[in-house]
Amino acid sequence: MVLGLDWLTAFIKISFQIVFAIVTAIPFYFAWNAVASTYFKFLPEVWWKVPFWDIVAILLCAKFVGEIINNLTPKIISISQDNTNNSGK
């Protein structure tokens, strides 16, 4: 079998990230386009009406870059817990 479990889990993870970006972009799209032309007049006019798929792409890029940064930074604190209780015997 060419495609193993690793490929399947990676495909599912990426699919969920794409769906989450699309769903998250819906309220952000309407909120940004309703508010930007009123409250962000200091921005260039191109940014007042951002297309929906551009917002989805920005959210996807932010997610992937955030994961890369998270994987590259060292872990400062590591917490583990052991739930074995031998005193009840």
C-alpha atoms as a PDB file:
ATOM      1  CA  MET A   1       0.000   0.000   0.000  1.00  0.00           C
ATOM      2  CA  VAL A   2       1.497   3.305  -1.088  1.00  0.00           C
ATOM      3  CA  LEU A   3      -0.492   5.610   1.150  1.00  0.00           C
ATOM      4  CA  GLY A   4      -0.093   4.694   4.790  1.00  0.00           C
ATOM      5  CA  LEU A   5      -1.644   5.979   7.978  1.00  0.00           C
ATOM      6  CA  ASP A   6       0.778   8.917   8.133  1.00  0.00           C
ATOM      7  CA  TRP A   7      -0.455  10.215   4.783  1.00  0.00           C
ATOM      8  CA  LEU A   8      -4.064   9.781   5.815  1.00  0.00           C
ATOM      9  CA  THR A   9      -3.659  11.632   9.115  1.00  0.00           C
ATOM     10  CA  ALA A  10      -1.756  14.443   7.391  1.00  0.00           C
ATOM     11  CA  PHE A  11      -4.512  14.733   4.775  1.00  0.00           C
ATOM     12  CA  ILE A  12      -7.205  14.838   7.465  1.00  0.00           C
ATOM     13  CA  LYS A  13      -5.283  17.451   9.470  1.00  0.00           C
ATOM     14  CA  ILE A  14      -4.779  19.699   6.444  1.00  0.00           C
ATOM     15  CA  SER A  15      -8.418  19.257   5.406  1.00  0.00           C
ATOM     16  CA  PHE A  16      -9.630  20.331   8.842  1.00  0.00           C
ATOM     17  CA  GLN A  17      -7.308  23.336   8.767  1.00  0.00           C
ATOM     18  CA  ILE A  18      -8.712  24.423   5.403  1.00  0.00           C
ATOM     19  CA  VAL A  19     -12.316  23.989   6.561  1.00  0.00           C
ATOM     20  CA  PHE A  20     -11.570  25.850   9.808  1.00  0.00           C
ATOM     21  CA  ALA A  21      -9.979  28.724   7.861  1.00  0.00           C
ATOM     22  CA  ILE A  22     -13.010  28.982   5.573  1.00  0.00           C
ATOM     23  CA  VAL A  23     -15.481  28.943   8.480  1.00  0.00           C
ATOM     24  CA  THR A  24     -13.414  31.428  10.494  1.00  0.00           C
ATOM     25  CA  ALA A  25     -13.072  33.768   7.509  1.00  0.00           C
ATOM     26  CA  ILE A  26     -16.849  34.215   7.127  1.00  0.00           C
ATOM     27  CA  PRO A  27     -17.459  36.452  10.188  1.00  0.00           C
ATOM     28  CA  PHE A  28     -14.068  38.129   9.802  1.00  0.00           C
ATOM     29  CA  TYR A  29     -14.852  38.992   6.172  1.00  0.00           C
ATOM     30  CA  PHE A  30     -18.154  40.670   7.023  1.00  0.00           C
ATOM     31  CA  ALA A  31     -16.800  42.410  10.120  1.00  0.00           C
ATOM     32  CA  TRP A  32     -13.685  43.748   8.378  1.00  0.00           C
ATOM     33  CA  ASN A  33     -15.484  44.987   5.282  1.00  0.00           C
ATOM     34  CA  ALA A  34     -18.172  46.680   7.385  1.00  0.00           C
ATOM     35  CA  VAL A  35     -15.756  48.451   9.733  1.00  0.00           C
ATOM     36  CA  ALA A  36     -12.585  49.079   7.721  1.00  0.00           C
ATOM     37  CA  SER A  37     -13.790  51.941   5.540  1.00  0.00           C
ATOM     38  CA  THR A  38     -15.084  53.802   8.600  1.00  0.00           C
ATOM     39  CA  TYR A  39     -12.441  53.254  11.256  1.00  0.00           C
ATOM     40  CA  PHE A  40      -9.288  52.482   9.277  1.00  0.00           C
ATOM     41  CA  LYS A  41      -9.099  55.460   6.941  1.00  0.00           C
ATOM     42  CA  PHE A  42      -5.335  55.637   7.528  1.00  0.00           C
ATOM     43  CA  LEU A  43      -4.936  52.342   5.599  1.00  0.00           C
ATOM     44  CA  PRO A  44      -4.707  52.324   1.805  1.00  0.00           C
ATOM     45  CA  GLU A  45      -8.066  52.089   0.049  1.00  0.00           C
ATOM     46  CA  VAL A  46      -7.245  48.616  -1.263  1.00  0.00           C
ATOM     47  CA  TRP A  47      -7.436  47.274   2.295  1.00  0.00           C
ATOM     48  CA  TRP A  48     -10.927  48.602   2.936  1.00  0.00           C
ATOM     49  CA  LYS A  49     -12.595  45.806   0.954  1.00  0.00           C
ATOM     50  CA  VAL A  50     -10.593  42.595   1.234  1.00  0.00           C
ATOM     51  CA  PRO A  51     -11.878  39.656  -0.866  1.00  0.00           C
ATOM     52  CA  PHE A  52     -13.103  36.565   0.966  1.00  0.00           C
ATOM     53  CA  TRP A  53     -10.560  34.131  -0.461  1.00  0.00           C
ATOM     54  CA  ASP A  54      -7.705  36.479   0.393  1.00  0.00           C
ATOM     55  CA  ILE A  55      -8.786  36.321   4.036  1.00  0.00           C
ATOM     56  CA  VAL A  56      -8.906  32.518   3.862  1.00  0.00           C
ATOM     57  CA  ALA A  57      -5.378  32.478   2.414  1.00  0.00           C
ATOM     58  CA  ILE A  58      -4.112  34.832   5.130  1.00  0.00           C
ATOM     59  CA  LEU A  59      -5.597  32.617   7.847  1.00  0.00           C
ATOM     60  CA  LEU A  60      -4.078  29.470   6.308  1.00  0.00           C
ATOM     61  CA  CYS A  61      -0.653  31.088   5.979  1.00  0.00           C
ATOM     62  CA  ALA A  62      -0.815  32.334   9.562  1.00  0.00           C
ATOM     63  CA  LYS A  63      -1.701  28.830  10.781  1.00  0.00           C
ATOM     64  CA  PHE A  64       1.118  27.141   8.867  1.00  0.00           C
ATOM     65  CA  VAL A  65       3.712  29.754   9.864  1.00  0.00           C
ATOM     66  CA  GLY A  66       2.558  29.500  13.476  1.00  0.00           C
ATOM     67  CA  GLU A  67       3.037  25.726  13.428  1.00  0.00           C
ATOM     68  CA  ILE A  68       6.517  26.094  11.961  1.00  0.00           C
ATOM     69  CA  ILE A  69       7.480  28.630  14.630  1.00  0.00           C
ATOM     70  CA  ASN A  70       6.009  26.389  17.323  1.00  0.00           C
ATOM     71  CA  ASN A  71       8.074  23.428  16.081  1.00  0.00           C
ATOM     72  CA  LEU A  72      11.281  25.481  15.904  1.00  0.00           C
ATOM     73  CA  THR A  73      11.088  27.056  19.347  1.00  0.00           C
ATOM     74  CA  PRO A  74      12.417  25.042  22.270  1.00  0.00           C
ATOM     75  CA  LYS A  75      10.068  23.864  24.970  1.00  0.00           C
ATOM     76  CA  ILE A  76      10.855  25.675  28.233  1.00  0.00           C
ATOM     77  CA  ILE A  77       8.562  23.725  30.540  1.00  0.00           C
ATOM     78  CA  SER A  78       7.595  20.081  30.255  1.00  0.00           C
ATOM     79  CA  ILE A  79       4.859  18.778  32.534  1.00  0.00           C
ATOM     80  CA  SER A  80       4.018  15.101  32.856  1.00  0.00           C
ATOM     81  CA  GLN A  81       1.636  13.244  35.106  1.00  0.00           C
ATOM     82  CA  ASP A  82       1.587   9.645  36.264  1.00  0.00           C
ATOM     83  CA  ASN A  83      -1.749   8.332  37.495  1.00  0.00           C
ATOM     84  CA  THR A  84      -0.609   5.056  38.995  1.00  0.00           C
ATOM     85  CA  ASN A  85      -1.895   4.580  42.517  1.00  0.00           C
ATOM     86  CA  ASN A  86      -0.386   1.594  44.317  1.00  0.00           C
ATOM     87  CA  SER A  87      -1.453   2.602  47.829  1.00  0.00           C
ATOM     88  CA  GLY A  88      -5.008   1.258  47.398  1.00  0.00           C
ATOM     89  CA  LYS A  89      -3.970  -2.437  47.293  1.00  0.00           C
END
